[in-house]
Each structure stands twice: as C-alpha cells, then as structure tokens.
Amino acid sequence: MSGPGWSDIASWYDGVVRSGRTPHGLAVRTTLDLAGDVTGRSVLDVACGQGIASRALARAGAARVVGVDLTEALLDAARAEERADPLGITYLHGDAQRLDGVPDASVDVVTCQLALMDIPDLDATLHAVARVLAPGGVFAAVISHPCFLAPFASTAVDDDGTPRRVVRRYLTEGFWRSPNPDGVRRVGHWSRTLATYLNAFLAAGLTLERFAEPRAVGAYAQDQPVYREVPVLLGIRATRSPPS
C-alpha cells in the first residue's frame, strides 16, 4: 500500500473540490436529499474531510453538526472555513471505524459522503454508525458507484460519439491504487461490489429504505459527459430500527 496518503494530498484535494469540477456538488445534493429534513436535528458527518457536507447540513437547519475525520490536514481546512464563516460546526479527529467518544444512540442523522470506499473496514464502520444512531435515526451515505468505478474502469466512445464506461475487475475486491499521478485515487481505494455494500448495511442492523443514482449536471457533466447517462454516484438511505 505504499504511496501518498490523504495528508500528502490534502491541500491539492481541497483545491480540486473547491473548483466545482468534481462530483462533490452532486454528492452534497444527494446527501441532503437522502438525509431528509434535518431541521433541529443532531447530525454526525463521518469522514467529513474539509467539511463540504458538514457546512451544507448546518445551512439546512441542523441544530448540531459534528464532523469527524482521521486526516488532520483536512480538518485544519474545515476549521479554517468554520472560523471564516461560523456555522457552529464542531470538528473532531477520529476514526470512522470506531467513532470513539460518540455516545451510543446519541445522533439523529449520520452522513458519510464519498468516504466509505476509502475506509478499510466497512463492517466496523457501519456497526459504529448503527451504534451511535438513535432508534429510528437516519444514515445517508454516498459512494462512488461500485458498478462503474471498479478498478481500472475507463471511459470509451462508441462509433456514434456516445461515451460509455468499460468495466474491468468488478468482482475482484480489495485495495487498489490508481496509476494516475494527478487523480484522487492515487491514495488508494477499497473496491467492493454492490452486494458487499448492501449486505454490510443489513449485517449492521440498518434497514435499507431508498437509493439514488443521480445524473451529473453542470461543469462536471461538461468535463465528464459519460456521467450524464451512467451514474458516477450511488446514494443509500438506511435507518436504525427502533427496538421491538
């Protein structure tokens, strides 16, 4: 697994996200849609990075937003944004696989945007999410679509000019690192099938409620027209069932 980590690319990544030419804006909108009305609710944003979703959730009316991330350099960027534009967000250094310090059943909504595929232990993360969610609480997760962003998948163009995704090694799960020296996946990515994700949610005691496969729009769609017809993201809404 040798190669750059998130701390090494944090400044570059923050600039890329702010450019607006990534799927992050689409991911934020999908996260808010799946989370539902957060007005007056407590929200935990897991693997929050530089806080793009945390800020959107606070602006949507959440009573309390806490962002947790393992990369201090990204938390520094999030805290700098909070100082410049205070929204009452608290950012904590922590591991999504444990969520130490977050009490059981203490959060109304948990979000995790474009991060589950970056975390080694999916099962531990989802069990931690289920632990901190209050009964009936909502978990909204958005990931890179596992069916179309499998390792070494690529975009090709048909004879009529229509772009398409060419998928390789979809069923080969595990850690992989993109050879693209200018891409975000140079830090690595845990490739998992759709079935692995959905079964992990169920094993953690989360009830699957709704899915989203949003169409790319705006600058990102102009740069990557294939994602106007092939989903780049998969959104999942689940809830923690109340005790019977």
Protein backbone atom coordinates (compact mmCIF):
# COMPACT_ATOMS: atom_id res chain seq x y z
CA MET A 1 0.00 0.00 0.00
CA SER A 2 2.97 2.31 -0.35
CA GLY A 3 2.23 5.66 -1.90
CA PRO A 4 0.73 9.02 -0.94
CA GLY A 5 -1.90 9.29 1.77
CA TRP A 6 -4.65 11.81 2.40
CA SER A 7 -2.32 14.04 4.42
CA ASP A 8 0.02 14.23 1.43
CA ILE A 9 -2.66 15.41 -1.00
CA ALA A 10 -4.90 17.37 1.40
CA SER A 11 -4.11 20.84 0.05
CA TRP A 12 -4.39 19.70 -3.57
CA TYR A 13 -7.64 17.84 -2.83
CA ASP A 14 -9.20 20.85 -1.12
CA GLY A 15 -8.46 22.97 -4.18
CA VAL A 16 -9.90 20.36 -6.54
CA VAL A 17 -13.12 20.12 -4.52
CA ARG A 18 -13.47 23.91 -4.46
CA SER A 19 -13.06 24.05 -8.25
CA GLY A 20 -16.61 22.80 -8.77
CA ARG A 21 -15.45 20.43 -11.49
CA THR A 22 -15.83 17.28 -9.41
CA PRO A 23 -18.83 15.15 -8.37
CA HIS A 24 -18.76 16.66 -4.86
CA GLY A 25 -21.53 19.18 -5.53
CA LEU A 26 -23.71 16.38 -6.85
CA ALA A 27 -22.78 14.30 -3.80
CA VAL A 28 -23.79 17.12 -1.43
CA ARG A 29 -27.20 17.46 -3.06
CA THR A 30 -27.69 13.69 -2.92
CA THR A 31 -26.65 13.56 0.73
CA LEU A 32 -29.12 16.29 1.68
CA ASP A 33 -31.91 14.61 -0.26
CA LEU A 34 -31.32 11.23 1.38
CA ALA A 35 -30.88 12.71 4.87
CA GLY A 36 -34.28 14.38 4.62
CA ASP A 37 -35.34 17.30 6.78
CA VAL A 38 -32.53 17.88 9.29
CA THR A 39 -34.10 20.95 10.88
CA GLY A 40 -33.47 20.89 14.62
CA ARG A 41 -31.71 17.52 14.47
CA SER A 42 -28.25 16.42 15.60
CA VAL A 43 -26.02 15.30 12.73
CA LEU A 44 -22.73 13.42 12.68
CA ASP A 45 -20.79 13.75 9.42
CA VAL A 46 -18.43 10.76 9.29
CA ALA A 47 -15.16 11.08 7.36
CA CYS A 48 -16.08 14.72 6.82
CA GLY A 49 -12.84 15.77 5.13
CA GLN A 50 -12.71 19.52 4.67
CA GLY A 51 -16.36 19.81 5.73
CA ILE A 52 -18.22 20.40 2.47
CA ALA A 53 -21.17 18.24 3.55
CA SER A 54 -20.96 19.39 7.18
CA ARG A 55 -21.46 23.00 6.10
CA ALA A 56 -24.36 22.10 3.83
CA LEU A 57 -26.07 20.22 6.66
CA ALA A 58 -25.62 23.15 9.04
CA ARG A 59 -27.08 25.53 6.46
CA ALA A 60 -30.01 23.14 6.00
CA GLY A 61 -31.02 23.79 9.61
CA ALA A 62 -29.41 21.06 11.68
CA ALA A 63 -29.33 22.02 15.36
CA ARG A 64 -25.90 20.50 15.87
CA VAL A 65 -23.34 19.24 13.35
CA VAL A 66 -20.20 17.34 14.31
CA GLY A 67 -17.68 16.33 11.67
CA VAL A 68 -15.22 13.50 12.30
CA ASP A 69 -12.19 12.71 10.19
CA LEU A 70 -8.88 10.89 10.53
CA THR A 71 -6.80 13.35 8.48
CA GLU A 72 -5.71 16.36 10.49
CA ALA A 73 -4.76 18.36 7.38
CA LEU A 74 -8.33 18.13 6.06
CA LEU A 75 -9.72 19.00 9.49
CA ASP A 76 -7.46 22.06 9.50
CA ALA A 77 -9.10 23.19 6.24
CA ALA A 78 -12.57 22.55 7.70
CA ARG A 79 -11.78 24.51 10.86
CA ALA A 80 -10.35 27.40 8.85
CA GLU A 81 -13.61 27.56 6.89
CA GLU A 82 -15.57 27.50 10.15
CA ARG A 83 -13.54 30.40 11.52
CA ALA A 84 -14.14 32.40 8.34
CA ASP A 85 -17.85 31.58 8.18
CA PRO A 86 -19.06 30.34 11.58
CA LEU A 87 -21.92 27.85 11.40
CA GLY A 88 -21.49 26.25 14.82
CA ILE A 89 -19.88 23.07 13.49
CA THR A 90 -17.54 21.05 15.72
CA TYR A 91 -14.76 19.10 14.03
CA LEU A 92 -13.18 16.14 15.80
CA HIS A 93 -10.22 13.95 14.98
CA GLY A 94 -11.42 10.35 14.97
CA ASP A 95 -11.63 7.02 13.19
CA ALA A 96 -14.85 6.21 11.34
CA GLN A 97 -14.29 2.54 12.11
CA ARG A 98 -14.81 3.18 15.84
CA LEU A 99 -16.32 6.64 16.39
CA ASP A 100 -14.74 6.73 19.83
CA GLY A 101 -16.19 9.41 22.05
CA VAL A 102 -19.59 9.45 20.33
CA PRO A 103 -22.12 8.03 22.80
CA ASP A 104 -24.47 5.21 21.88
CA ALA A 105 -27.82 6.21 20.38
CA SER A 106 -26.95 9.91 20.58
CA VAL A 107 -27.32 11.14 16.99
CA ASP A 108 -30.43 11.69 14.87
CA VAL A 109 -28.70 11.63 11.48
CA VAL A 110 -25.35 10.24 10.33
CA THR A 111 -23.94 11.12 6.93
CA CYS A 112 -20.90 9.79 5.10
CA GLN A 113 -20.14 11.37 1.76
CA LEU A 114 -17.67 9.86 -0.72
CA ALA A 115 -15.74 8.06 2.00
CA LEU A 116 -16.96 4.51 2.68
CA MET A 117 -14.88 3.26 -0.24
CA ASP A 118 -11.77 4.84 1.34
CA ILE A 119 -12.18 3.09 4.71
CA PRO A 120 -10.55 -0.34 5.16
CA ASP A 121 -13.10 -1.97 7.50
CA LEU A 122 -16.58 -1.38 6.10
CA ASP A 123 -18.28 -3.69 8.61
CA ALA A 124 -16.72 -1.95 11.61
CA THR A 125 -17.70 1.45 10.24
CA LEU A 126 -21.33 0.51 9.67
CA HIS A 127 -21.59 -1.09 13.10
CA ALA A 128 -20.17 2.11 14.62
CA VAL A 129 -22.75 4.15 12.69
CA ALA A 130 -25.56 1.90 13.90
CA ARG A 131 -24.27 2.18 17.48
CA VAL A 132 -24.35 5.99 17.59
CA LEU A 133 -27.68 6.39 15.79
CA ALA A 134 -30.75 6.92 17.92
CA PRO A 135 -33.56 4.42 17.28
CA GLY A 136 -35.26 5.46 14.06
CA GLY A 137 -32.25 7.59 13.12
CA VAL A 138 -31.19 8.03 9.51
CA PHE A 139 -27.93 7.10 7.83
CA ALA A 140 -27.31 8.76 4.45
CA ALA A 141 -24.24 7.51 2.57
CA VAL A 142 -22.98 8.48 -0.87
CA ILE A 143 -20.22 6.48 -2.53
CA SER A 144 -18.51 6.26 -5.88
CA HIS A 145 -20.76 3.91 -7.82
CA PRO A 146 -19.22 0.45 -7.34
CA CYS A 147 -20.61 -0.87 -10.61
CA PHE A 148 -19.00 1.78 -12.83
CA LEU A 149 -15.90 2.90 -10.92
CA ALA A 150 -14.39 -0.54 -10.45
CA PRO A 151 -10.59 -0.85 -10.54
CA PHE A 152 -9.13 0.22 -13.86
CA ALA A 153 -12.54 1.02 -15.38
CA SER A 154 -12.25 3.54 -18.18
CA THR A 155 -14.34 5.72 -20.46
CA ALA A 156 -14.53 4.93 -24.17
CA VAL A 157 -16.52 6.41 -27.03
CA ASP A 158 -18.80 4.47 -29.39
CA ASP A 159 -18.77 4.98 -33.14
CA ASP A 160 -21.70 7.38 -32.83
CA GLY A 161 -19.81 9.51 -30.30
CA THR A 162 -21.68 8.25 -27.24
CA PRO A 163 -19.39 7.83 -24.23
CA ARG A 164 -19.58 4.61 -22.22
CA ARG A 165 -17.85 3.03 -19.26
CA VAL A 166 -15.70 -0.05 -19.77
CA VAL A 167 -15.65 -2.00 -16.52
CA ARG A 168 -12.88 -4.40 -15.60
CA ARG A 169 -12.34 -6.49 -12.47
CA TYR A 170 -15.68 -5.61 -10.90
CA LEU A 171 -15.77 -8.85 -8.91
CA THR A 172 -12.16 -8.54 -7.70
CA GLU A 173 -12.46 -6.87 -4.31
CA GLY A 174 -9.67 -5.31 -2.30
CA PHE A 175 -7.36 -2.33 -2.09
CA TRP A 176 -6.12 -0.75 -5.30
CA ARG A 177 -4.26 2.41 -6.15
CA SER A 178 -4.80 4.33 -9.39
CA PRO A 179 -1.69 4.84 -11.53
CA ASN A 180 -2.94 8.34 -12.43
CA PRO A 181 -0.46 10.69 -10.72
CA ASP A 182 -2.96 13.56 -10.83
CA GLY A 183 -6.06 11.72 -9.63
CA VAL A 184 -7.57 11.39 -6.18
CA ARG A 185 -7.39 7.59 -6.31
CA ARG A 186 -3.61 7.69 -6.15
CA VAL A 187 -4.17 7.49 -2.38
CA GLY A 188 -5.97 4.18 -2.85
CA HIS A 189 -9.49 2.86 -2.76
CA TRP A 190 -11.22 -0.24 -1.41
CA SER A 191 -13.06 -1.85 -4.29
CA ARG A 192 -16.24 -3.65 -3.25
CA THR A 193 -19.23 -4.97 -5.15
CA LEU A 194 -22.72 -3.59 -4.77
CA ALA A 195 -23.76 -6.78 -2.98
CA THR A 196 -20.95 -6.38 -0.45
CA TYR A 197 -22.11 -2.86 0.43
CA LEU A 198 -25.79 -3.73 0.77
CA ASN A 199 -25.16 -6.90 2.75
CA ALA A 200 -22.85 -4.98 5.12
CA PHE A 201 -25.64 -2.46 5.82
CA LEU A 202 -28.01 -5.29 6.66
CA ALA A 203 -25.45 -7.08 8.83
CA ALA A 204 -25.02 -3.89 10.86
CA GLY A 205 -28.72 -3.83 11.66
CA LEU A 206 -29.54 -0.98 9.29
CA THR A 207 -32.80 -1.04 7.35
CA LEU A 208 -32.37 -0.06 3.70
CA GLU A 209 -35.00 2.48 2.66
CA ARG A 210 -34.03 4.26 -0.54
CA PHE A 211 -31.32 4.53 -3.19
CA ALA A 212 -30.19 7.26 -5.56
CA GLU A 213 -28.16 7.25 -8.78
CA PRO A 214 -28.06 10.95 -9.69
CA ARG A 215 -27.30 12.28 -13.15
CA ALA A 216 -24.29 14.58 -13.47
CA VAL A 217 -25.06 18.20 -14.38
CA GLY A 218 -23.19 21.47 -14.76
CA ALA A 219 -19.44 21.82 -15.11
CA TYR A 220 -18.77 18.24 -14.05
CA ALA A 221 -21.11 16.89 -16.74
CA GLN A 222 -19.36 19.07 -19.31
CA ASP A 223 -15.99 17.66 -18.28
CA GLN A 224 -17.28 14.08 -17.94
CA PRO A 225 -20.27 13.69 -20.29
CA VAL A 226 -20.39 9.93 -19.76
CA TYR A 227 -21.89 10.58 -16.31
CA ARG A 228 -24.94 12.21 -17.85
CA GLU A 229 -26.14 8.68 -18.67
CA VAL A 230 -24.02 6.43 -16.41
CA PRO A 231 -24.21 7.16 -12.66
CA VAL A 232 -20.95 8.16 -11.02
CA LEU A 233 -22.52 8.02 -7.53
CA LEU A 234 -24.66 5.65 -5.52
CA GLY A 235 -26.64 7.04 -2.60
CA ILE A 236 -28.09 4.88 0.17
CA ARG A 237 -30.60 5.85 2.86
CA ALA A 238 -30.95 3.50 5.80
CA THR A 239 -32.40 3.71 9.28
CA ARG A 240 -31.71 2.12 12.62
CA SER A 241 -34.80 0.19 13.52
CA PRO A 242 -36.40 1.02 16.87
CA PRO A 243 -36.25 -1.83 19.40
CA SER A 244 -39.23 -4.16 19.13
